[in-house]
Protein backbone atom coordinates (compact mmCIF):
# COMPACT_ATOMS: atom_id res chain seq x y z
CA UNK A 1 -132.60 -23.42 -57.93
CA UNK A 2 -129.78 -25.92 -58.15
CA UNK A 3 -126.60 -24.43 -56.75
CA UNK A 4 -123.74 -26.93 -56.94
CA UNK A 5 -121.39 -26.65 -53.98
CA UNK A 6 -118.56 -29.07 -54.58
CA UNK A 7 -116.24 -30.21 -51.86
CA UNK A 8 -112.68 -31.24 -52.52
CA UNK A 9 -113.40 -34.91 -53.08
CA UNK A 10 -110.92 -37.72 -52.89
CA UNK A 11 -109.36 -39.02 -56.08
CA UNK A 12 -110.99 -41.95 -57.81
CA UNK A 13 -109.88 -45.50 -56.94
CA UNK A 14 -106.98 -46.96 -58.89
CA UNK A 15 -107.84 -49.19 -61.84
CA UNK A 16 -106.39 -52.20 -60.01
CA UNK A 17 -108.72 -51.61 -57.06
CA UNK A 18 -111.69 -51.57 -59.43
CA UNK A 19 -110.56 -54.82 -61.03
CA UNK A 20 -110.77 -56.48 -57.61
CA UNK A 21 -114.18 -54.99 -56.88
CA UNK A 22 -116.09 -58.28 -57.03
CA UNK A 23 -114.21 -59.68 -54.05
CA UNK A 24 -116.01 -57.24 -51.75
CA UNK A 25 -119.81 -57.80 -51.90
CA UNK A 26 -120.64 -54.42 -50.33
CA UNK A 27 -118.40 -52.60 -52.80
CA UNK A 28 -119.81 -54.58 -55.72
CA UNK A 29 -123.38 -53.71 -54.71
CA UNK A 30 -122.47 -50.04 -54.36
CA UNK A 31 -120.77 -50.14 -57.75
CA UNK A 32 -123.88 -51.65 -59.36
CA UNK A 33 -126.12 -48.86 -58.06
CA UNK A 34 -123.45 -46.27 -58.81
CA UNK A 35 -123.07 -47.32 -62.44
CA UNK A 36 -126.84 -47.09 -62.91
CA UNK A 37 -126.69 -43.66 -61.30
CA UNK A 38 -123.78 -42.57 -63.48
CA UNK A 39 -125.67 -43.45 -66.66
CA UNK A 40 -129.02 -42.11 -65.47
CA UNK A 41 -127.49 -38.86 -64.21
CA UNK A 42 -125.16 -38.22 -67.14
CA UNK A 43 -127.28 -35.47 -68.74
CA UNK A 44 -127.97 -33.82 -65.38
CA UNK A 45 -124.32 -33.71 -64.35
CA UNK A 46 -123.08 -32.76 -67.81
CA UNK A 47 -125.48 -29.83 -67.99
CA UNK A 48 -124.63 -28.57 -64.49
CA UNK A 49 -120.95 -28.77 -65.39
CA UNK A 50 -121.60 -26.85 -68.60
CA UNK A 51 -123.72 -24.29 -66.77
CA UNK A 52 -120.87 -23.59 -64.35
CA UNK A 53 -118.32 -23.38 -67.15
CA UNK A 54 -120.43 -20.94 -69.22
CA UNK A 55 -121.63 -18.66 -66.42
CA UNK A 56 -118.13 -18.26 -64.94
CA UNK A 57 -114.91 -17.06 -66.51
CA UNK A 58 -113.03 -20.38 -66.55
CA UNK A 59 -110.49 -19.54 -69.28
CA UNK A 60 -109.25 -16.50 -71.15
CA UNK A 61 -110.40 -17.80 -74.53
CA UNK A 62 -113.76 -19.43 -73.78
CA UNK A 63 -116.23 -18.72 -76.63
CA UNK A 64 -119.21 -17.72 -74.45
CA UNK A 65 -119.67 -16.50 -70.90
CA UNK A 66 -122.74 -14.74 -69.51
CA UNK A 67 -124.75 -14.44 -66.30
CA UNK A 68 -127.76 -16.66 -65.67
CA UNK A 69 -130.92 -15.52 -67.51
CA UNK A 70 -129.13 -13.52 -70.17
CA UNK A 71 -128.44 -14.31 -73.82
CA UNK A 72 -125.02 -14.15 -75.42
CA UNK A 73 -124.23 -14.68 -79.10
CA UNK A 74 -121.21 -16.64 -80.25
CA UNK A 75 -118.70 -14.14 -81.66
CA UNK A 76 -118.33 -16.00 -84.97
CA UNK A 77 -119.94 -18.41 -87.38
CA UNK A 78 -117.96 -21.53 -86.60
CA UNK A 79 -114.87 -22.41 -88.64
CA UNK A 80 -111.81 -24.56 -87.86
CA UNK A 81 -110.31 -21.50 -86.17
CA UNK A 82 -113.35 -20.65 -84.03
CA UNK A 83 -114.93 -24.06 -83.28
CA UNK A 84 -113.26 -24.41 -79.87
CA UNK A 85 -114.09 -27.66 -78.08
CA UNK A 86 -117.41 -28.26 -79.85
CA UNK A 87 -117.87 -31.65 -81.51
CA UNK A 88 -119.23 -31.70 -85.08
CA UNK A 89 -119.92 -27.94 -84.98
CA UNK A 90 -122.65 -26.45 -87.13
CA UNK A 91 -121.19 -24.08 -89.72
CA UNK A 92 -124.62 -23.18 -91.17
CA UNK A 93 -125.84 -21.10 -88.26
CA UNK A 94 -124.81 -18.63 -85.61
CA UNK A 95 -125.22 -20.00 -82.10
CA UNK A 96 -126.77 -18.03 -79.26
CA UNK A 97 -126.57 -19.30 -75.70
CA UNK A 98 -128.33 -18.84 -72.36
CA UNK A 99 -128.70 -20.62 -69.01
CA UNK A 100 -132.19 -20.25 -67.63
CA UNK A 101 -133.18 -20.35 -63.94
CA UNK A 102 -136.96 -20.34 -63.32
CA UNK A 103 -136.80 -21.32 -59.65
CA UNK A 104 -137.98 -17.87 -58.49
CA UNK A 105 -140.59 -17.33 -61.18
CA UNK A 106 -140.96 -16.90 -64.95
CA UNK A 107 -138.07 -15.86 -67.16
CA UNK A 108 -139.19 -13.43 -69.85
CA UNK A 109 -137.97 -13.84 -73.41
CA UNK A 110 -138.57 -11.49 -76.32
CA UNK A 111 -137.72 -12.62 -79.85
CA UNK A 112 -137.60 -10.20 -82.81
CA UNK A 113 -139.38 -10.49 -86.13
CA UNK A 114 -137.10 -12.84 -88.07
CA UNK A 115 -138.96 -12.69 -91.38
CA UNK A 116 -137.81 -15.47 -93.68
CA UNK A 117 -134.56 -16.13 -91.78
CA UNK A 118 -134.86 -19.56 -90.15
CA UNK A 119 -134.07 -19.91 -86.46
CA UNK A 120 -134.73 -22.23 -83.57
CA UNK A 121 -134.22 -21.89 -79.82
CA UNK A 122 -133.71 -25.32 -78.29
CA UNK A 123 -134.32 -25.43 -74.54
CA UNK A 124 -132.77 -28.52 -72.96
CA UNK A 125 -134.29 -29.54 -69.65
CA UNK A 126 -132.03 -31.28 -67.13
CA UNK A 127 -132.92 -34.66 -68.62
CA UNK A 128 -131.60 -33.42 -72.01
CA UNK A 129 -135.03 -33.40 -73.67
CA UNK A 130 -135.28 -30.56 -76.23
CA UNK A 131 -138.18 -28.08 -76.34
CA UNK A 132 -138.25 -25.65 -79.27
CA UNK A 133 -139.35 -22.12 -80.07
CA UNK A 134 -138.71 -20.48 -83.43
CA UNK A 135 -139.68 -20.44 -87.09
CA UNK A 136 -141.53 -23.77 -86.84
CA UNK A 137 -143.63 -22.67 -83.86
CA UNK A 138 -144.21 -18.95 -84.45
CA UNK A 139 -143.67 -18.44 -88.18
CA UNK A 140 -140.81 -16.01 -87.50
CA UNK A 141 -143.08 -13.42 -85.86
CA UNK A 142 -141.88 -11.19 -83.02
CA UNK A 143 -143.21 -12.83 -79.84
CA UNK A 144 -142.96 -12.42 -76.06
CA UNK A 145 -142.67 -15.60 -73.99
CA UNK A 146 -142.81 -16.35 -70.28
CA UNK A 147 -140.66 -19.40 -69.58
CA UNK A 148 -142.14 -21.28 -66.62
CA UNK A 149 -140.71 -24.24 -64.74
CA UNK A 150 -142.21 -26.43 -61.99
CA UNK A 151 -141.88 -23.56 -59.50
CA UNK A 152 -144.52 -21.64 -61.44
CA UNK A 153 -145.18 -17.93 -61.07
CA UNK A 154 -147.34 -15.14 -62.38
CA UNK A 155 -147.27 -14.44 -66.11
CA UNK A 156 -147.28 -10.76 -67.14
CA UNK A 157 -149.93 -9.60 -69.60
CA UNK A 158 -148.93 -9.91 -73.24
CA UNK A 159 -146.64 -12.94 -72.77
CA UNK A 160 -147.21 -16.46 -74.13
CA UNK A 161 -146.57 -19.25 -71.66
CA UNK A 162 -143.82 -21.74 -72.55
CA UNK A 163 -143.55 -24.49 -69.94
CA UNK A 164 -140.43 -26.49 -69.18
CA UNK A 165 -140.29 -29.55 -66.89
CA UNK A 166 -137.24 -28.47 -64.88
CA UNK A 167 -136.43 -25.06 -63.37
CA UNK A 168 -132.92 -25.16 -64.85
CA UNK A 169 -132.63 -25.28 -68.64
CA UNK A 170 -130.01 -24.61 -71.28
CA UNK A 171 -130.99 -22.63 -74.36
CA UNK A 172 -128.92 -23.16 -77.48
CA UNK A 173 -130.25 -21.10 -80.36
CA UNK A 174 -129.36 -21.38 -84.04
CA UNK A 175 -129.85 -18.53 -86.52
CA UNK A 176 -129.37 -19.38 -90.19
CA UNK A 177 -126.31 -17.61 -91.59
CA UNK A 178 -125.40 -17.37 -95.26
CA UNK A 179 -121.64 -17.70 -94.93
CA UNK A 180 -119.03 -15.28 -93.63
CA UNK A 181 -120.49 -12.42 -95.68
CA UNK A 182 -123.63 -12.65 -93.55
CA UNK A 183 -121.76 -12.86 -90.23
CA UNK A 184 -122.01 -9.21 -89.10
CA UNK A 185 -125.69 -9.01 -90.02
CA UNK A 186 -126.69 -12.21 -88.21
CA UNK A 187 -124.70 -11.22 -85.10
CA UNK A 188 -126.51 -7.88 -84.99
CA UNK A 189 -129.85 -9.71 -85.22
CA UNK A 190 -128.81 -12.11 -82.45
CA UNK A 191 -128.19 -9.18 -80.13
CA UNK A 192 -131.85 -8.12 -80.39
CA UNK A 193 -133.03 -11.26 -78.56
CA UNK A 194 -133.79 -10.27 -74.94
CA UNK A 195 -134.08 -12.30 -71.74
CA UNK A 196 -134.55 -11.31 -68.11
CA UNK A 197 -135.57 -13.16 -64.98
CA UNK A 198 -135.87 -12.92 -61.19
CA UNK A 199 -132.59 -14.76 -60.70
CA UNK A 200 -129.46 -12.95 -61.84
CA UNK A 201 -125.78 -13.61 -61.30
CA UNK A 202 -122.49 -11.86 -61.92
CA UNK A 203 -119.77 -13.42 -64.03
CA UNK A 204 -116.81 -14.21 -61.80
CA UNK A 205 -113.59 -16.10 -62.38
CA UNK A 206 -113.60 -19.77 -61.35
CA UNK A 207 -111.79 -23.00 -62.00
CA UNK A 208 -113.39 -25.21 -64.68
CA UNK A 209 -115.71 -27.82 -63.25
CA UNK A 210 -114.77 -31.46 -63.93
CA UNK A 211 -117.11 -33.80 -62.02
CA UNK A 212 -115.72 -36.87 -63.78
CA UNK A 213 -112.52 -36.90 -61.76
CA UNK A 214 -113.95 -37.61 -58.29
CA UNK A 215 -117.06 -38.39 -56.28
CA UNK A 216 -118.15 -34.82 -57.04
CA UNK A 217 -120.17 -36.54 -59.77
CA UNK A 218 -122.57 -37.89 -57.14
CA UNK A 219 -122.49 -34.66 -55.15
CA UNK A 220 -123.86 -32.84 -58.20
CA UNK A 221 -126.34 -35.58 -59.03
CA UNK A 222 -127.63 -35.78 -55.46
CA UNK A 223 -128.15 -32.03 -55.26
CA UNK A 224 -130.18 -32.10 -58.47
CA UNK A 225 -132.28 -35.14 -57.55
CA UNK A 226 -133.20 -33.51 -54.23
CA UNK A 227 -134.80 -30.56 -56.07
CA UNK A 228 -136.16 -32.05 -59.31
CA UNK A 229 -139.86 -32.97 -59.41
CA UNK A 230 -140.13 -36.76 -58.88
CA UNK A 231 -141.19 -38.88 -61.84
CA UNK A 232 -143.81 -41.44 -60.81
CA UNK A 233 -142.49 -44.29 -62.96
CA UNK A 234 -138.97 -43.92 -61.53
CA UNK A 235 -139.78 -44.42 -57.85
CA UNK A 236 -138.09 -47.84 -57.66
CA UNK A 237 -134.93 -46.53 -59.33
CA UNK A 238 -134.81 -43.55 -56.97
CA UNK A 239 -135.17 -45.94 -54.00
CA UNK A 240 -132.09 -47.80 -55.27
CA UNK A 241 -130.21 -44.51 -55.50
CA UNK A 242 -131.35 -43.55 -51.99
CA UNK A 243 -129.95 -46.78 -50.59
CA UNK A 244 -126.67 -46.12 -52.39
CA UNK A 245 -126.50 -42.68 -50.75
CA UNK A 246 -127.12 -40.26 -53.61
CA UNK A 247 -130.88 -40.46 -54.30
CA UNK A 248 -133.47 -37.71 -53.74
CA UNK A 249 -134.09 -38.65 -50.09
CA UNK A 250 -130.39 -38.96 -49.24
CA UNK A 251 -127.80 -36.36 -48.31
CA UNK A 252 -124.63 -37.38 -50.11
CA UNK A 253 -121.53 -36.92 -47.97
CA UNK A 254 -118.48 -38.33 -49.78
CA UNK A 255 -116.17 -37.78 -46.81
CA UNK A 256 -118.41 -39.93 -44.56
CA UNK A 257 -118.89 -42.94 -46.82
CA UNK A 258 -117.84 -46.39 -45.59
CA UNK A 259 -114.75 -47.58 -47.51
CA UNK A 260 -116.63 -50.23 -49.49
CA UNK A 261 -119.29 -47.74 -50.60
CA UNK A 262 -116.69 -45.14 -51.55
CA UNK A 263 -114.83 -47.78 -53.56
CA UNK A 264 -117.95 -48.92 -55.42
CA UNK A 265 -119.15 -45.41 -56.28
CA UNK A 266 -115.65 -44.27 -57.20
CA UNK A 267 -115.26 -47.20 -59.58
CA UNK A 268 -118.64 -46.36 -61.13
CA UNK A 269 -117.33 -42.90 -62.02
CA UNK A 270 -113.98 -44.28 -63.20
CA UNK A 271 -115.55 -46.92 -65.45
CA UNK A 272 -118.78 -45.14 -66.40
CA UNK A 273 -117.35 -43.12 -69.27
CA UNK A 274 -115.68 -46.24 -70.70
CA UNK A 275 -119.00 -48.08 -70.54
CA UNK A 276 -120.74 -45.33 -72.49
CA UNK A 277 -117.89 -45.00 -74.99
CA UNK A 278 -118.01 -48.71 -75.80
CA UNK A 279 -121.76 -48.58 -76.37
CA UNK A 280 -121.24 -46.13 -79.22
CA UNK A 281 -123.83 -44.84 -81.65
CA UNK A 282 -126.33 -47.49 -82.73
CA UNK A 283 -128.54 -46.55 -85.68
CA UNK A 284 -132.16 -47.65 -85.98
CA UNK A 285 -131.89 -47.46 -89.77
CA UNK A 286 -129.16 -47.56 -92.43
CA UNK A 287 -129.96 -46.68 -96.04
CA UNK A 288 -127.36 -46.23 -98.79
CA UNK A 289 -124.75 -46.03 -96.03
CA UNK A 290 -126.50 -43.17 -94.21
CA UNK A 291 -127.19 -43.97 -90.56
CA UNK A 292 -129.87 -42.54 -88.33
CA UNK A 293 -131.35 -43.20 -84.91
CA UNK A 294 -134.91 -41.90 -84.76
CA UNK A 295 -135.11 -42.33 -80.99
CA UNK A 296 -132.31 -39.98 -79.95
CA UNK A 297 -134.75 -37.20 -79.00
CA UNK A 298 -137.17 -39.56 -77.25
CA UNK A 299 -135.14 -42.29 -75.49
CA UNK A 300 -137.78 -42.96 -72.84
CA UNK A 301 -136.34 -45.28 -70.19
CA UNK A 302 -133.32 -46.13 -72.34
CA UNK A 303 -130.93 -44.17 -70.15
CA UNK A 304 -127.88 -45.43 -72.06
CA UNK A 305 -129.25 -43.93 -75.27
CA UNK A 306 -130.06 -40.70 -73.45
CA UNK A 307 -126.51 -40.50 -72.12
CA UNK A 308 -125.11 -41.27 -75.57
CA UNK A 309 -127.10 -38.40 -77.08
CA UNK A 310 -125.57 -36.04 -74.51
CA UNK A 311 -122.08 -37.45 -74.93
CA UNK A 312 -122.37 -36.89 -78.67
CA UNK A 313 -123.39 -33.25 -78.29
CA UNK A 314 -127.15 -33.21 -77.53
CA UNK A 315 -129.93 -33.38 -80.13
CA UNK A 316 -132.86 -31.40 -81.46
CA UNK A 317 -136.39 -32.75 -81.71
CA UNK A 318 -136.76 -34.68 -84.97
CA UNK A 319 -139.45 -32.38 -86.30
CA UNK A 320 -136.88 -29.58 -86.04
CA UNK A 321 -133.87 -31.32 -87.58
CA UNK A 322 -132.34 -34.69 -88.38
CA UNK A 323 -128.69 -35.59 -88.95
CA UNK A 324 -128.08 -38.69 -91.09
CA UNK A 325 -124.39 -39.64 -90.85
CA UNK A 326 -122.08 -41.80 -92.95
CA UNK A 327 -118.61 -43.26 -92.42
CA UNK A 328 -118.31 -45.71 -95.36
CA UNK A 329 -118.53 -45.54 -99.14
CA UNK A 330 -120.61 -47.71 -101.47
CA UNK A 331 -117.90 -50.40 -101.37
CA UNK A 332 -118.12 -50.73 -97.60
CA UNK A 333 -114.80 -49.02 -96.83
CA UNK A 334 -114.18 -46.07 -94.53
CA UNK A 335 -113.90 -42.62 -96.11
CA UNK A 336 -110.34 -41.49 -96.86
CA UNK A 337 -109.36 -38.02 -98.03
CA UNK A 338 -106.86 -39.54 -100.47
CA UNK A 339 -109.78 -40.93 -102.46
CA UNK A 340 -112.39 -39.10 -104.47
CA UNK A 341 -116.12 -39.69 -104.02
CA UNK A 342 -119.36 -38.31 -105.37
CA UNK A 343 -122.92 -37.88 -104.16
CA UNK A 344 -125.39 -37.61 -107.04
CA UNK A 345 -128.88 -36.25 -106.46
CA UNK A 346 -131.24 -36.99 -109.31
CA UNK A 347 -133.43 -34.16 -110.55
CA UNK A 348 -136.14 -33.38 -108.02
CA UNK A 349 -134.50 -35.59 -105.36
CA UNK A 350 -132.71 -33.02 -103.21
CA UNK A 351 -133.30 -33.39 -99.46
CA UNK A 352 -136.95 -32.48 -98.70
CA UNK A 353 -136.83 -29.73 -96.08
CA UNK A 354 -138.78 -26.66 -95.08
CA UNK A 355 -135.70 -24.70 -93.98
CA UNK A 356 -132.27 -25.81 -95.26
CA UNK A 357 -129.98 -28.77 -95.83
CA UNK A 358 -126.21 -29.22 -95.94
CA UNK A 359 -123.49 -31.86 -95.86
CA UNK A 360 -120.34 -31.41 -93.72
CA UNK A 361 -117.16 -33.49 -93.44
CA UNK A 362 -115.51 -33.89 -90.02
CA UNK A 363 -112.21 -35.42 -88.98
CA UNK A 364 -112.98 -38.97 -87.91
CA UNK A 365 -110.90 -38.93 -84.73
CA UNK A 366 -111.80 -35.47 -83.41
CA UNK A 367 -115.18 -34.67 -85.03
CA UNK A 368 -113.68 -31.26 -85.91
CA UNK A 369 -113.80 -29.08 -88.99
CA UNK A 370 -110.50 -29.10 -90.90
CA UNK A 371 -109.14 -26.07 -92.81
CA UNK A 372 -109.26 -26.18 -96.62
CA UNK A 373 -108.08 -23.96 -99.46
CA UNK A 374 -111.46 -22.42 -100.32
CA UNK A 375 -112.88 -22.08 -96.81
CA UNK A 376 -115.93 -24.23 -97.59
CA UNK A 377 -117.11 -26.29 -94.62
CA UNK A 378 -120.49 -27.43 -95.85
CA UNK A 379 -122.23 -27.99 -99.16
CA UNK A 380 -125.95 -27.45 -99.44
CA UNK A 381 -128.86 -25.43 -100.73
CA UNK A 382 -127.04 -22.10 -100.16
CA UNK A 383 -123.69 -22.98 -101.76
CA UNK A 384 -122.80 -20.34 -104.35
CA UNK A 385 -121.92 -21.09 -107.98
CA UNK A 386 -123.21 -24.66 -108.04
CA UNK A 387 -123.45 -26.34 -111.46
CA UNK A 388 -126.36 -28.67 -112.21
CA UNK A 389 -126.42 -31.36 -114.89
CA UNK A 390 -128.42 -30.90 -118.07
CA UNK A 391 -130.98 -33.31 -116.63
CA UNK A 392 -131.34 -31.21 -113.47
CA UNK A 393 -129.22 -33.50 -111.31
CA UNK A 394 -126.69 -32.30 -108.76
CA UNK A 395 -123.34 -34.05 -108.24
CA UNK A 396 -121.13 -33.18 -105.28
CA UNK A 397 -117.46 -34.22 -105.42
CA UNK A 398 -115.71 -35.05 -102.14
CA UNK A 399 -111.93 -35.14 -101.76
CA UNK A 400 -109.08 -33.53 -99.86
CA UNK A 401 -107.59 -32.03 -103.03
CA UNK A 402 -109.49 -29.94 -105.59
CA UNK A 403 -111.02 -31.99 -108.43
CA UNK A 404 -109.72 -31.36 -111.95
CA UNK A 405 -113.13 -30.13 -113.13
CA UNK A 406 -113.02 -27.21 -110.67
CA UNK A 407 -114.33 -26.32 -107.25
CA UNK A 408 -117.93 -25.28 -107.97
CA UNK A 409 -119.34 -28.63 -106.79
CA UNK A 410 -116.49 -29.60 -104.45
CA UNK A 411 -116.90 -30.41 -100.77
CA UNK A 412 -113.37 -30.39 -99.30
CA UNK A 413 -112.62 -33.19 -96.85
CA UNK A 414 -109.88 -33.91 -94.30
CA UNK A 415 -106.82 -35.64 -95.71
CA UNK A 416 -107.26 -38.81 -93.66
CA UNK A 417 -110.32 -40.52 -92.23
CA UNK A 418 -113.53 -38.55 -91.86
CA UNK A 419 -117.26 -38.88 -91.44
CA UNK A 420 -120.13 -37.02 -93.07
CA UNK A 421 -123.17 -35.43 -91.47
CA UNK A 422 -126.18 -34.26 -93.45
CA UNK A 423 -128.25 -31.58 -91.72
CA UNK A 424 -131.92 -31.41 -92.65
CA UNK A 425 -133.77 -28.60 -90.88
CA UNK A 426 -137.57 -28.75 -90.79
CA UNK A 427 -137.48 -32.14 -92.52
CA UNK A 428 -140.63 -33.03 -94.45
CA UNK A 429 -142.63 -36.18 -93.56
CA UNK A 430 -140.97 -38.32 -96.21
CA UNK A 431 -137.56 -37.56 -94.69
CA UNK A 432 -138.77 -38.55 -91.23
CA UNK A 433 -140.57 -41.76 -92.13
CA UNK A 434 -137.90 -43.16 -94.45
CA UNK A 435 -139.63 -42.73 -97.80
CA UNK A 436 -136.83 -40.35 -98.83
CA UNK A 437 -133.32 -41.81 -98.82
CA UNK A 438 -130.11 -39.88 -99.40
CA UNK A 439 -128.07 -41.18 -102.36
CA UNK A 440 -124.97 -43.30 -101.64
CA UNK A 441 -121.46 -41.90 -101.40
CA UNK A 442 -119.81 -43.47 -104.45
CA UNK A 443 -116.07 -43.99 -104.72
CA UNK A 444 -114.81 -42.74 -108.08
CA UNK A 445 -111.03 -43.02 -107.59
CA UNK A 446 -108.50 -44.87 -105.42
């Protein structure tokens, strides 16, 4: 069990001190190892921060709070009013949430018969790798699972084993919801999911955890590395971290660090987020303006990519869902709500999926949903009242103001800059291998 115990750490070095880092060889060496550690440990630290902030009462209006090894449903399908601090929130599903601790033995999970309603439970291990249960793996049948981490344990009769590589995991579930009219029904279904385990906690009030403001970052990372099972192909990297004071064989003590080491590690935390932000999202393919990176769920030793996936909001396994995104129209200019665009699907060319698809527009600066007059925050295979062309084609109109032909095929957008995300759940092989390409976003007015 990873129990973060954070000391009151000193503030980070001033920017000017970090600019002069290279003049001190010991500080520069510590900074080098620290920056590698910051990037490598980003998913670990981010998840431990999130675990603290969702298993403690850290604010009066937080959307979810629950003890370890218990499931809580979000109180709403997400809208601009209920999206909270989530980036690019999913308005197609109801979220359910749980923090799992398998350090004392299996955690037992019972899922109800979901019939034809699609759902997935994504379990993120501490390295941010997703592991799924749900419609794709069990056909929607009621099933009992024993979640088992490296600590092992005895599995009760009648339970299927589901192994995870770290004893701490985050479960984010998604249950397909057919708009606000379906909200009460899907919430009642979510409450029938059951979880129990040998580790239990009480929800208590606490200050929000922010490990990015001090050397607490390495306190958290060190505590995790000391308990996580070692990975054979990372021995050399762990030796580097040990020498820097925060690896699995070290006992990190921020108050006892030599000044040069404290400076180097502090600058790594100060600059680390900027380094990741400037890397940005890098697609592996772009087709008709739609960008995708097919390595986000399997970054391997690309720790920068792994950190970027976490910074952007985590990912599902590709066989579960993919999210092609677009920021520019067919003329190579950024989307603007003052303009009108269209996406035209030829007959028989809708996104090939086994579950559902949708397109959502998000504010470019905040990645948030923006209120609109008809309360429509995605357009897809469940949109009501859609009109098809005589040839079977489907044309979606995108703009901030309603089109003159009516709202049946309208996807409202923010008034300024925005980006689009297409969600394709249970994508078919042609969607995964690139044989299917989404149509371009065509500008039809200035």
